[in-house]
């Protein structure tokens, strides 16, 4: 059985690195963040998010991205 493909948004934030590390042995993990990830996109921009989802083609999304100031 193949591993599920999991897209983790907010992968470079507070929780992201821990979730990615925990998943890597069980899933094909694709990371998404504004920078420093497999895919770079701002999840607040619908067209950028749609393009990232199309590129990643995930089976599951773990959404950890948040707005901060």
C-alpha atoms as a PDB file:
ATOM      1  CA  UNK A   1       0.000   0.000   0.000  1.00  0.00           C
ATOM      2  CA  UNK A   2       1.352   3.424  -0.918  1.00  0.00           C
ATOM      3  CA  UNK A   3       1.783   6.243   1.544  1.00  0.00           C
ATOM      4  CA  UNK A   4      -0.829   9.012   1.472  1.00  0.00           C
ATOM      5  CA  UNK A   5       0.294  12.386   0.150  1.00  0.00           C
ATOM      6  CA  UNK A   6      -0.186  15.010   2.870  1.00  0.00           C
ATOM      7  CA  UNK A   7       0.002  18.759   2.365  1.00  0.00           C
ATOM      8  CA  UNK A   8       0.956  20.647   5.527  1.00  0.00           C
ATOM      9  CA  UNK A   9       0.240  24.381   5.441  1.00  0.00           C
ATOM     10  CA  UNK A  10       2.144  26.572   7.865  1.00  0.00           C
ATOM     11  CA  UNK A  11       4.961  24.045   7.750  1.00  0.00           C
ATOM     12  CA  UNK A  12       7.612  26.527   8.884  1.00  0.00           C
ATOM     13  CA  UNK A  13       5.571  28.000  11.729  1.00  0.00           C
ATOM     14  CA  UNK A  14       5.335  27.069  15.399  1.00  0.00           C
ATOM     15  CA  UNK A  15       3.712  23.629  15.065  1.00  0.00           C
ATOM     16  CA  UNK A  16       4.557  22.809  11.454  1.00  0.00           C
ATOM     17  CA  UNK A  17       8.052  21.342  11.896  1.00  0.00           C
ATOM     18  CA  UNK A  18       6.849  18.969  14.625  1.00  0.00           C
ATOM     19  CA  UNK A  19       3.899  17.746  12.547  1.00  0.00           C
ATOM     20  CA  UNK A  20       6.078  17.295   9.457  1.00  0.00           C
ATOM     21  CA  UNK A  21       8.665  15.302  11.429  1.00  0.00           C
ATOM     22  CA  UNK A  22       5.976  13.062  12.920  1.00  0.00           C
ATOM     23  CA  UNK A  23       4.405  12.385   9.505  1.00  0.00           C
ATOM     24  CA  UNK A  24       7.497  11.758   7.391  1.00  0.00           C
ATOM     25  CA  UNK A  25       7.764   8.042   8.135  1.00  0.00           C
ATOM     26  CA  UNK A  26       4.069   7.481   7.430  1.00  0.00           C
ATOM     27  CA  UNK A  27       3.288   9.790   4.519  1.00  0.00           C
ATOM     28  CA  UNK A  28       4.640  11.568   1.480  1.00  0.00           C
ATOM     29  CA  UNK A  29       4.723  15.052   3.005  1.00  0.00           C
ATOM     30  CA  UNK A  30       4.559  18.249   0.939  1.00  0.00           C
ATOM     31  CA  UNK A  31       5.121  21.453   2.881  1.00  0.00           C
ATOM     32  CA  UNK A  32       3.530  24.825   2.154  1.00  0.00           C
ATOM     33  CA  UNK A  33       4.525  28.189   3.627  1.00  0.00           C
ATOM     34  CA  UNK A  34       5.245  31.718   2.456  1.00  0.00           C
ATOM     35  CA  UNK A  35       8.909  30.724   2.121  1.00  0.00           C
ATOM     36  CA  UNK A  36      11.275  27.914   3.070  1.00  0.00           C
ATOM     37  CA  UNK A  37       8.941  25.043   2.130  1.00  0.00           C
ATOM     38  CA  UNK A  38       8.384  22.682  -0.807  1.00  0.00           C
ATOM     39  CA  UNK A  39       5.716  25.057  -2.126  1.00  0.00           C
ATOM     40  CA  UNK A  40       5.629  28.789  -1.489  1.00  0.00           C
ATOM     41  CA  UNK A  41       2.238  30.483  -1.370  1.00  0.00           C
ATOM     42  CA  UNK A  42       0.162  32.836   0.744  1.00  0.00           C
ATOM     43  CA  UNK A  43      -2.912  30.871   1.813  1.00  0.00           C
ATOM     44  CA  UNK A  44      -4.830  34.152   2.117  1.00  0.00           C
ATOM     45  CA  UNK A  45      -4.659  34.486  -1.679  1.00  0.00           C
ATOM     46  CA  UNK A  46      -7.243  32.135  -3.241  1.00  0.00           C
ATOM     47  CA  UNK A  47      -5.477  31.803  -6.596  1.00  0.00           C
ATOM     48  CA  UNK A  48      -2.111  31.016  -4.970  1.00  0.00           C
ATOM     49  CA  UNK A  49      -3.738  28.438  -2.704  1.00  0.00           C
ATOM     50  CA  UNK A  50      -5.564  26.813  -5.633  1.00  0.00           C
ATOM     51  CA  UNK A  51      -2.304  26.573  -7.590  1.00  0.00           C
ATOM     52  CA  UNK A  52      -0.508  25.024  -4.608  1.00  0.00           C
ATOM     53  CA  UNK A  53      -3.292  22.470  -4.118  1.00  0.00           C
ATOM     54  CA  UNK A  54      -3.191  21.558  -7.796  1.00  0.00           C
ATOM     55  CA  UNK A  55       0.604  21.179  -7.698  1.00  0.00           C
ATOM     56  CA  UNK A  56       0.625  19.082  -4.525  1.00  0.00           C
ATOM     57  CA  UNK A  57      -2.381  16.873  -5.383  1.00  0.00           C
ATOM     58  CA  UNK A  58      -2.730  15.805  -1.736  1.00  0.00           C
ATOM     59  CA  UNK A  59      -4.871  13.031  -0.294  1.00  0.00           C
ATOM     60  CA  UNK A  60      -5.074  14.980   2.969  1.00  0.00           C
ATOM     61  CA  UNK A  61      -4.434  18.565   4.085  1.00  0.00           C
ATOM     62  CA  UNK A  62      -3.284  19.519   7.566  1.00  0.00           C
ATOM     63  CA  UNK A  63      -3.928  23.251   7.866  1.00  0.00           C
ATOM     64  CA  UNK A  64      -1.632  24.921  10.382  1.00  0.00           C
ATOM     65  CA  UNK A  65      -1.191  28.296   8.695  1.00  0.00           C
ATOM     66  CA  UNK A  66      -2.337  31.351  10.619  1.00  0.00           C
ATOM     67  CA  UNK A  67      -2.402  35.086  10.137  1.00  0.00           C
ATOM     68  CA  UNK A  68      -0.017  37.014  12.334  1.00  0.00           C
ATOM     69  CA  UNK A  69       1.077  40.582  12.690  1.00  0.00           C
END
